[in-house]
Amino acid sequence: MLFMVIERYKQSDPVPVGERFRRQGRMLPDGLKYHASWMDVTGSRCFQLMETADPAQFNDWLAHWKDLVRFEIVPVLEASEFWAKHESI
């Protein structure tokens, strides 16, 4: 299953997140796959596309970042998959 992870940096400051990332990497547990990420133009949010069969896998990853980031995790479908499931719309 795909998830859009929306990260909102505490105090709108991406610097501490970038520093930790450069030191320790993404720190993903086995079973949680990173696909891609995008930053908003202000640098206060990051949008990451991730994948896992078990959403509980997010718990370990979030524990490494929750002091610096507030997270919103949204299950998503590719548009073609959504429309195939909802042909009558």
N, C-alpha and C. Protein backbone atom coordinates (compact mmCIF):
# COMPACT_ATOMS: atom_id res chain seq x y z
N MET A 1 0.84 -1.18 0.00
CA MET A 1 0.00 0.00 0.00
C MET A 1 0.88 1.24 0.00
N LEU A 2 0.45 2.25 -0.74
CA LEU A 2 1.18 3.52 -0.83
C LEU A 2 0.66 4.51 0.20
N PHE A 3 1.56 5.36 0.68
CA PHE A 3 1.21 6.39 1.66
C PHE A 3 1.91 7.69 1.28
N MET A 4 1.19 8.80 1.39
CA MET A 4 1.79 10.11 1.28
C MET A 4 2.05 10.57 2.71
N VAL A 5 3.30 10.79 3.02
CA VAL A 5 3.68 11.25 4.35
C VAL A 5 3.94 12.74 4.24
N ILE A 6 3.19 13.51 5.02
CA ILE A 6 3.37 14.95 5.04
C ILE A 6 4.10 15.30 6.33
N GLU A 7 5.28 15.83 6.19
CA GLU A 7 6.09 16.23 7.35
C GLU A 7 6.00 17.73 7.51
N ARG A 8 5.66 18.15 8.70
CA ARG A 8 5.67 19.58 9.03
C ARG A 8 6.75 19.78 10.08
N TYR A 9 7.75 20.57 9.73
CA TYR A 9 8.89 20.75 10.62
C TYR A 9 8.52 21.65 11.78
N LYS A 10 8.88 21.23 12.97
CA LYS A 10 8.61 22.05 14.14
C LYS A 10 9.36 23.37 14.01
N GLN A 11 8.72 24.44 14.40
CA GLN A 11 9.21 25.82 14.25
C GLN A 11 9.48 26.12 12.77
N SER A 12 8.88 25.36 11.86
CA SER A 12 9.06 25.54 10.40
C SER A 12 10.54 25.55 10.02
N ASP A 13 11.34 24.78 10.75
CA ASP A 13 12.79 24.79 10.56
C ASP A 13 13.28 23.43 10.04
N PRO A 14 13.66 23.35 8.77
CA PRO A 14 14.15 22.09 8.23
C PRO A 14 15.61 21.76 8.59
N VAL A 15 16.35 22.72 9.11
CA VAL A 15 17.79 22.53 9.34
C VAL A 15 18.08 21.35 10.26
N PRO A 16 17.44 21.23 11.44
CA PRO A 16 17.75 20.07 12.29
C PRO A 16 17.43 18.73 11.63
N VAL A 17 16.39 18.69 10.82
CA VAL A 17 16.03 17.46 10.11
C VAL A 17 17.13 17.12 9.09
N GLY A 18 17.56 18.11 8.34
CA GLY A 18 18.62 17.89 7.36
C GLY A 18 19.92 17.43 8.01
N GLU A 19 20.25 18.00 9.16
CA GLU A 19 21.48 17.61 9.85
C GLU A 19 21.41 16.16 10.31
N ARG A 20 20.28 15.77 10.90
CA ARG A 20 20.12 14.38 11.36
C ARG A 20 20.14 13.42 10.17
N PHE A 21 19.46 13.80 9.10
CA PHE A 21 19.43 12.95 7.91
C PHE A 21 20.85 12.71 7.37
N ARG A 22 21.66 13.77 7.32
CA ARG A 22 23.03 13.62 6.82
C ARG A 22 23.88 12.73 7.74
N ARG A 23 23.61 12.80 9.06
CA ARG A 23 24.37 11.98 10.01
C ARG A 23 23.90 10.53 10.04
N GLN A 24 22.57 10.32 10.00
CA GLN A 24 22.04 8.98 10.28
C GLN A 24 21.21 8.37 9.16
N GLY A 25 21.00 9.11 8.10
CA GLY A 25 20.20 8.59 7.00
C GLY A 25 18.71 8.63 7.33
N ARG A 26 17.93 7.94 6.53
CA ARG A 26 16.47 7.97 6.67
C ARG A 26 15.98 7.13 7.85
N MET A 27 16.75 6.13 8.26
CA MET A 27 16.46 5.25 9.40
C MET A 27 15.15 4.48 9.22
N LEU A 28 14.92 3.94 8.04
CA LEU A 28 13.71 3.18 7.77
C LEU A 28 13.85 1.75 8.30
N PRO A 29 12.80 1.22 8.92
CA PRO A 29 12.82 -0.19 9.30
C PRO A 29 12.61 -1.07 8.07
N ASP A 30 13.02 -2.32 8.17
CA ASP A 30 12.75 -3.27 7.08
C ASP A 30 11.25 -3.33 6.86
N GLY A 31 10.85 -3.32 5.62
CA GLY A 31 9.43 -3.39 5.29
C GLY A 31 8.79 -2.05 4.99
N LEU A 32 9.51 -0.95 5.21
CA LEU A 32 9.01 0.38 4.87
C LEU A 32 9.90 0.93 3.76
N LYS A 33 9.32 1.15 2.59
CA LYS A 33 10.08 1.55 1.41
C LYS A 33 9.81 3.01 1.05
N TYR A 34 10.88 3.75 0.86
CA TYR A 34 10.83 5.14 0.42
C TYR A 34 10.85 5.16 -1.10
N HIS A 35 9.96 5.97 -1.73
CA HIS A 35 9.94 6.10 -3.19
C HIS A 35 10.51 7.45 -3.65
N ALA A 36 9.99 8.55 -3.10
CA ALA A 36 10.41 9.87 -3.55
C ALA A 36 9.94 10.91 -2.55
N SER A 37 10.53 12.11 -2.65
CA SER A 37 10.07 13.20 -1.77
C SER A 37 10.17 14.54 -2.48
N TRP A 38 9.38 15.47 -1.99
CA TRP A 38 9.31 16.83 -2.52
C TRP A 38 9.22 17.79 -1.34
N MET A 39 9.85 18.94 -1.47
CA MET A 39 9.77 19.99 -0.46
C MET A 39 8.87 21.11 -0.97
N ASP A 40 8.12 21.74 -0.06
CA ASP A 40 7.41 22.94 -0.49
C ASP A 40 8.43 24.06 -0.65
N VAL A 41 8.05 25.11 -1.33
CA VAL A 41 9.02 26.15 -1.67
C VAL A 41 9.53 26.92 -0.46
N THR A 42 8.80 26.89 0.65
CA THR A 42 9.26 27.59 1.86
C THR A 42 10.21 26.73 2.69
N GLY A 43 10.26 25.43 2.43
CA GLY A 43 11.11 24.54 3.21
C GLY A 43 10.51 24.12 4.53
N SER A 44 9.24 24.41 4.75
CA SER A 44 8.63 24.07 6.04
C SER A 44 7.92 22.71 6.04
N ARG A 45 7.75 22.13 4.83
CA ARG A 45 7.09 20.82 4.74
C ARG A 45 7.79 19.95 3.70
N CYS A 46 7.69 18.65 3.93
CA CYS A 46 8.19 17.67 2.98
C CYS A 46 7.07 16.67 2.72
N PHE A 47 6.95 16.23 1.49
CA PHE A 47 5.96 15.24 1.08
C PHE A 47 6.72 14.02 0.59
N GLN A 48 6.50 12.88 1.23
CA GLN A 48 7.22 11.66 0.87
C GLN A 48 6.23 10.58 0.45
N LEU A 49 6.53 9.92 -0.64
CA LEU A 49 5.74 8.77 -1.06
C LEU A 49 6.45 7.53 -0.54
N MET A 50 5.73 6.74 0.26
CA MET A 50 6.32 5.56 0.87
C MET A 50 5.38 4.38 0.67
N GLU A 51 5.91 3.19 0.90
CA GLU A 51 5.12 1.98 0.67
C GLU A 51 5.40 0.96 1.77
N THR A 52 4.34 0.28 2.21
CA THR A 52 4.48 -0.82 3.16
C THR A 52 3.23 -1.68 3.12
N ALA A 53 3.40 -2.95 3.38
CA ALA A 53 2.25 -3.85 3.52
C ALA A 53 1.67 -3.77 4.93
N ASP A 54 2.47 -3.24 5.87
CA ASP A 54 2.07 -3.18 7.27
C ASP A 54 2.26 -1.75 7.79
N PRO A 55 1.18 -0.97 7.89
CA PRO A 55 1.32 0.42 8.35
C PRO A 55 1.95 0.56 9.74
N ALA A 56 1.95 -0.50 10.54
CA ALA A 56 2.61 -0.44 11.85
C ALA A 56 4.11 -0.20 11.70
N GLN A 57 4.65 -0.46 10.51
CA GLN A 57 6.08 -0.21 10.25
C GLN A 57 6.43 1.27 10.43
N PHE A 58 5.46 2.14 10.29
CA PHE A 58 5.72 3.57 10.45
C PHE A 58 6.13 3.90 11.89
N ASN A 59 5.65 3.15 12.86
CA ASN A 59 5.89 3.48 14.27
C ASN A 59 7.38 3.60 14.59
N ASP A 60 8.18 2.64 14.15
CA ASP A 60 9.62 2.69 14.43
C ASP A 60 10.28 3.89 13.75
N TRP A 61 9.88 4.14 12.52
CA TRP A 61 10.47 5.25 11.79
C TRP A 61 10.10 6.60 12.43
N LEU A 62 8.83 6.76 12.78
CA LEU A 62 8.37 8.02 13.38
C LEU A 62 9.10 8.31 14.68
N ALA A 63 9.43 7.27 15.43
CA ALA A 63 10.11 7.45 16.71
C ALA A 63 11.46 8.17 16.54
N HIS A 64 12.12 7.99 15.40
CA HIS A 64 13.41 8.64 15.15
C HIS A 64 13.28 10.13 14.85
N TRP A 65 12.08 10.58 14.48
CA TRP A 65 11.92 11.94 13.97
C TRP A 65 10.89 12.78 14.72
N LYS A 66 10.10 12.19 15.60
CA LYS A 66 8.97 12.91 16.18
C LYS A 66 9.37 14.11 17.03
N ASP A 67 10.62 14.19 17.47
CA ASP A 67 11.05 15.36 18.22
C ASP A 67 11.23 16.59 17.31
N LEU A 68 11.38 16.34 16.00
CA LEU A 68 11.63 17.43 15.05
C LEU A 68 10.49 17.68 14.07
N VAL A 69 9.59 16.69 13.93
CA VAL A 69 8.61 16.71 12.86
C VAL A 69 7.24 16.28 13.37
N ARG A 70 6.19 16.94 12.85
CA ARG A 70 4.81 16.47 13.04
C ARG A 70 4.42 15.78 11.73
N PHE A 71 3.81 14.61 11.85
CA PHE A 71 3.52 13.79 10.68
C PHE A 71 2.04 13.66 10.42
N GLU A 72 1.69 13.62 9.14
CA GLU A 72 0.37 13.20 8.69
C GLU A 72 0.63 12.11 7.66
N ILE A 73 0.02 10.94 7.86
CA ILE A 73 0.24 9.81 6.97
C ILE A 73 -1.10 9.46 6.32
N VAL A 74 -1.13 9.57 4.99
CA VAL A 74 -2.37 9.42 4.24
C VAL A 74 -2.23 8.24 3.27
N PRO A 75 -3.07 7.20 3.42
CA PRO A 75 -3.06 6.13 2.41
C PRO A 75 -3.53 6.70 1.07
N VAL A 76 -2.81 6.36 0.00
CA VAL A 76 -3.15 6.88 -1.33
C VAL A 76 -3.15 5.75 -2.35
N LEU A 77 -3.85 6.01 -3.45
CA LEU A 77 -3.86 5.12 -4.61
C LEU A 77 -3.38 5.91 -5.81
N GLU A 78 -2.76 5.22 -6.77
CA GLU A 78 -2.50 5.87 -8.04
C GLU A 78 -3.86 6.19 -8.65
N ALA A 79 -3.96 7.28 -9.39
CA ALA A 79 -5.25 7.70 -9.94
C ALA A 79 -5.87 6.60 -10.79
N SER A 80 -5.07 5.93 -11.60
CA SER A 80 -5.62 4.87 -12.46
C SER A 80 -6.23 3.74 -11.63
N GLU A 81 -5.61 3.42 -10.50
CA GLU A 81 -6.15 2.38 -9.62
C GLU A 81 -7.46 2.84 -8.98
N PHE A 82 -7.50 4.09 -8.55
CA PHE A 82 -8.74 4.63 -7.97
C PHE A 82 -9.87 4.55 -8.97
N TRP A 83 -9.62 5.04 -10.19
CA TRP A 83 -10.69 5.09 -11.20
C TRP A 83 -11.10 3.70 -11.64
N ALA A 84 -10.20 2.74 -11.64
CA ALA A 84 -10.58 1.37 -12.00
C ALA A 84 -11.53 0.79 -10.96
N LYS A 85 -11.35 1.17 -9.71
CA LYS A 85 -12.23 0.68 -8.63
C LYS A 85 -13.56 1.43 -8.61
N HIS A 86 -13.62 2.61 -9.22
CA HIS A 86 -14.80 3.46 -9.17
C HIS A 86 -15.28 3.83 -10.57
N GLU A 87 -15.41 2.85 -11.41
CA GLU A 87 -15.77 3.10 -12.82
C GLU A 87 -17.11 3.80 -12.98
N SER A 88 -17.99 3.66 -12.01
CA SER A 88 -19.34 4.26 -12.16
C SER A 88 -19.36 5.74 -11.83
N ILE A 89 -18.28 6.28 -11.33
CA ILE A 89 -18.24 7.71 -10.99
C ILE A 89 -18.02 8.54 -12.23
